[in-house]
Amino acid sequence: MKKTLNEEFRRMQKLAGIINENEEKINESPSEKEILDDILGSLEEGMFSNVLDKVKKYAKRGLITISILAALLGSTQLTTSQKDEVKDVVKTEMSTTQDDMTVGLKLVSFYKTNQKEADNWSKQNSSSSLISDIKNIIDNKLEKNKDVLEMLGHMHGNEAQSFLDSYRTFHMK
């Protein structure tokens, strides 16, 4: 079942620790919650290096999603400099490039100007999380964060190209 935009936003707020479990029951990805809890749980051990080690471990395995990255960057448990270190580790381990950032920027831009077509594409490609990731980025006001855009482009490389190609085909008719 598809999540509404509000449900997805609330799920990200919960992952980031902005709201607690008692405020509202949200359908969340158990694996994302488990990974985020594991990473942030390292802070309780008192060593930020443990957080970086866990971020590195999950990033190497390709398990850091846009939702997890947004939750980490939005967490009140991390300082600004710690968030910068997290971004650097994720970028390094996932080998993002300037091209990935350009693709991410195009995706957000195309979505903002053509939401109806993007939502139709999402329905036709229901197994894709591309559009929900774009919506999460916009909802959390991260569309100007080049690191998040790089991650979006990197994580959705082939899907992104399919989406952008269908956008070009639609508008060339």
Protein backbone atom coordinates (compact mmCIF):
# COMPACT_ATOMS: atom_id res chain seq x y z
CA MET A 1 0.00 0.00 0.00
CA LYS A 2 1.32 3.45 -0.94
CA LYS A 3 2.15 5.87 1.83
CA THR A 4 0.77 9.37 1.66
CA LEU A 5 3.18 12.27 1.61
CA ASN A 6 2.26 13.18 5.18
CA GLU A 7 2.85 9.61 6.40
CA GLU A 8 6.28 9.57 4.77
CA PHE A 9 7.17 12.94 6.29
CA ARG A 10 6.02 11.82 9.74
CA ARG A 11 8.05 8.61 9.33
CA MET A 12 11.17 10.67 8.66
CA GLN A 13 10.44 12.91 11.65
CA LYS A 14 10.16 9.83 13.82
CA LEU A 15 13.39 8.39 12.43
CA ALA A 16 15.13 11.70 13.14
CA GLY A 17 13.81 11.72 16.70
CA ILE A 18 11.75 14.87 16.19
CA ILE A 19 8.61 13.08 17.39
CA ASN A 20 8.32 10.08 19.67
CA GLU A 21 6.53 6.78 19.17
CA ASN A 22 3.60 7.76 21.37
CA GLU A 23 2.66 10.81 19.28
CA GLU A 24 1.46 8.86 16.27
CA LYS A 25 1.73 5.34 14.89
CA ILE A 26 3.58 5.52 11.56
CA ASN A 27 4.25 2.78 9.04
CA GLU A 28 8.03 2.77 8.91
CA SER A 29 10.57 0.53 7.33
CA PRO A 30 11.76 -1.78 10.11
CA SER A 31 15.17 -2.14 8.47
CA GLU A 32 15.69 1.64 8.27
CA LYS A 33 14.65 2.09 11.88
CA GLU A 34 16.92 -0.76 12.95
CA ILE A 35 19.91 0.72 11.08
CA LEU A 36 19.28 4.21 12.44
CA ASP A 37 18.88 2.89 16.00
CA ASP A 38 22.13 0.95 15.62
CA ILE A 39 24.01 4.02 14.38
CA LEU A 40 22.61 6.49 16.92
CA GLY A 41 22.83 3.89 19.68
CA SER A 42 26.60 4.18 19.34
CA LEU A 43 26.36 7.69 20.79
CA GLU A 44 25.20 6.19 24.06
CA GLU A 45 28.52 4.39 24.23
CA GLY A 46 30.10 7.86 24.28
CA MET A 47 32.29 7.52 21.22
CA PHE A 48 31.42 9.40 18.04
CA SER A 49 34.01 7.31 16.20
CA ASN A 50 31.69 4.32 16.77
CA VAL A 51 28.94 6.23 14.93
CA LEU A 52 31.29 6.85 12.00
CA ASP A 53 32.37 3.21 11.97
CA LYS A 54 28.75 2.07 11.77
CA VAL A 55 27.87 4.63 9.10
CA LYS A 56 30.88 3.41 7.11
CA LYS A 57 29.84 -0.24 7.53
CA TYR A 58 26.28 0.40 6.33
CA ALA A 59 27.38 2.72 3.51
CA LYS A 60 29.84 0.13 2.18
CA ARG A 61 26.98 -2.37 2.02
CA GLY A 62 24.76 0.18 0.25
CA LEU A 63 22.27 0.27 3.12
CA ILE A 64 22.25 4.02 3.80
CA THR A 65 19.01 5.28 2.27
CA ILE A 66 17.92 8.85 1.68
CA SER A 67 15.58 8.52 4.68
CA ILE A 68 18.40 7.34 6.94
CA LEU A 69 20.73 10.10 5.73
CA ALA A 70 18.02 12.73 6.21
CA ALA A 71 17.30 11.38 9.70
CA LEU A 72 20.99 11.52 10.62
CA LEU A 73 21.39 15.04 9.24
CA GLY A 74 18.24 16.13 11.06
CA SER A 75 19.12 14.47 14.35
CA THR A 76 19.45 16.70 17.38
CA GLN A 77 21.85 14.13 18.87
CA LEU A 78 24.64 15.11 16.44
CA THR A 79 26.49 18.42 16.24
CA THR A 80 26.92 20.25 12.94
CA SER A 81 30.54 19.13 12.64
CA GLN A 82 29.54 15.52 13.39
CA LYS A 83 26.87 15.71 10.67
CA ASP A 84 29.53 16.97 8.25
CA GLU A 85 31.72 14.00 9.15
CA VAL A 86 28.78 11.61 8.59
CA LYS A 87 28.18 13.16 5.14
CA ASP A 88 31.87 12.81 4.27
CA VAL A 89 31.94 9.13 5.28
CA VAL A 90 28.78 8.35 3.28
CA LYS A 91 30.09 10.19 0.21
CA THR A 92 33.46 8.45 0.41
CA GLU A 93 32.10 4.96 0.98
CA MET A 94 29.38 5.22 -1.65
CA SER A 95 31.70 6.90 -4.18
CA THR A 96 29.36 9.69 -5.18
CA THR A 97 30.44 12.09 -7.91
CA GLN A 98 29.66 15.54 -9.23
CA ASP A 99 27.59 13.81 -11.93
CA ASP A 100 25.48 12.19 -9.19
CA MET A 101 24.82 15.64 -7.72
CA THR A 102 23.80 16.97 -11.13
CA VAL A 103 21.39 14.07 -11.63
CA GLY A 104 19.95 14.61 -8.13
CA LEU A 105 19.47 18.30 -8.83
CA LYS A 106 17.71 17.52 -12.13
CA LEU A 107 15.44 15.01 -10.43
CA VAL A 108 14.31 17.47 -7.76
CA SER A 109 13.89 20.24 -10.33
CA PHE A 110 11.86 18.07 -12.72
CA TYR A 111 9.71 16.81 -9.88
CA LYS A 112 8.96 20.31 -8.59
CA THR A 113 7.85 21.54 -12.02
CA ASN A 114 6.06 18.36 -13.12
CA GLN A 115 4.59 16.68 -10.06
CA LYS A 116 1.67 15.12 -11.90
CA GLU A 117 3.87 13.40 -14.49
CA ALA A 118 6.30 12.31 -11.76
CA ASP A 119 3.51 10.82 -9.69
CA ASN A 120 2.20 8.99 -12.78
CA TRP A 121 5.70 7.63 -13.43
CA SER A 122 5.84 6.52 -9.79
CA LYS A 123 2.55 4.61 -10.16
CA GLN A 124 3.88 2.85 -13.27
CA ASN A 125 7.10 2.00 -11.44
CA SER A 126 5.59 1.10 -8.09
CA SER A 127 8.63 -0.79 -6.84
CA SER A 128 10.73 2.38 -7.09
CA SER A 129 11.36 4.60 -4.09
CA LEU A 130 12.73 7.39 -6.31
CA ILE A 131 9.73 9.72 -6.13
CA SER A 132 9.20 9.20 -2.39
CA ASP A 133 12.90 9.98 -1.83
CA ILE A 134 12.55 13.19 -3.85
CA LYS A 135 9.46 14.15 -1.84
CA ASN A 136 11.35 13.46 1.42
CA ILE A 137 14.16 15.74 0.31
CA ILE A 138 11.75 18.54 -0.57
CA ASP A 139 9.66 18.10 2.60
CA ASN A 140 12.78 18.31 4.75
CA LYS A 141 14.09 21.32 2.81
CA LEU A 142 17.23 19.46 1.74
CA GLU A 143 16.92 20.19 -1.99
CA LYS A 144 19.88 22.60 -1.85
CA ASN A 145 22.09 20.23 0.12
CA LYS A 146 24.60 19.01 -2.47
CA ASP A 147 25.51 15.95 -0.39
CA VAL A 148 21.91 14.76 -0.28
CA LEU A 149 21.53 15.44 -4.01
CA GLU A 150 24.69 13.41 -4.71
CA MET A 151 23.25 10.54 -2.68
CA LEU A 152 19.95 10.74 -4.55
CA GLY A 153 21.68 10.64 -7.93
CA HIS A 154 24.02 7.87 -6.84
CA MET A 155 21.41 5.65 -5.23
CA HIS A 156 18.93 5.92 -8.08
CA GLY A 157 21.31 6.02 -11.06
CA ASN A 158 19.47 3.81 -13.58
CA GLU A 159 16.01 4.64 -12.24
CA ALA A 160 16.85 8.32 -12.43
CA GLN A 161 17.83 7.99 -16.06
CA SER A 162 14.58 6.14 -16.83
CA PHE A 163 12.57 8.86 -15.08
CA LEU A 164 14.45 11.67 -16.84
CA ASP A 165 14.11 9.89 -20.21
CA SER A 166 10.36 9.47 -19.74
CA TYR A 167 10.14 13.14 -18.78
CA ARG A 168 11.99 14.16 -21.97
CA THR A 169 9.83 11.85 -24.11
CA PHE A 170 6.64 13.27 -22.59
CA HIS A 171 7.69 16.85 -23.22
CA MET A 172 9.02 16.28 -26.75
CA LYS A 173 5.61 15.12 -27.99
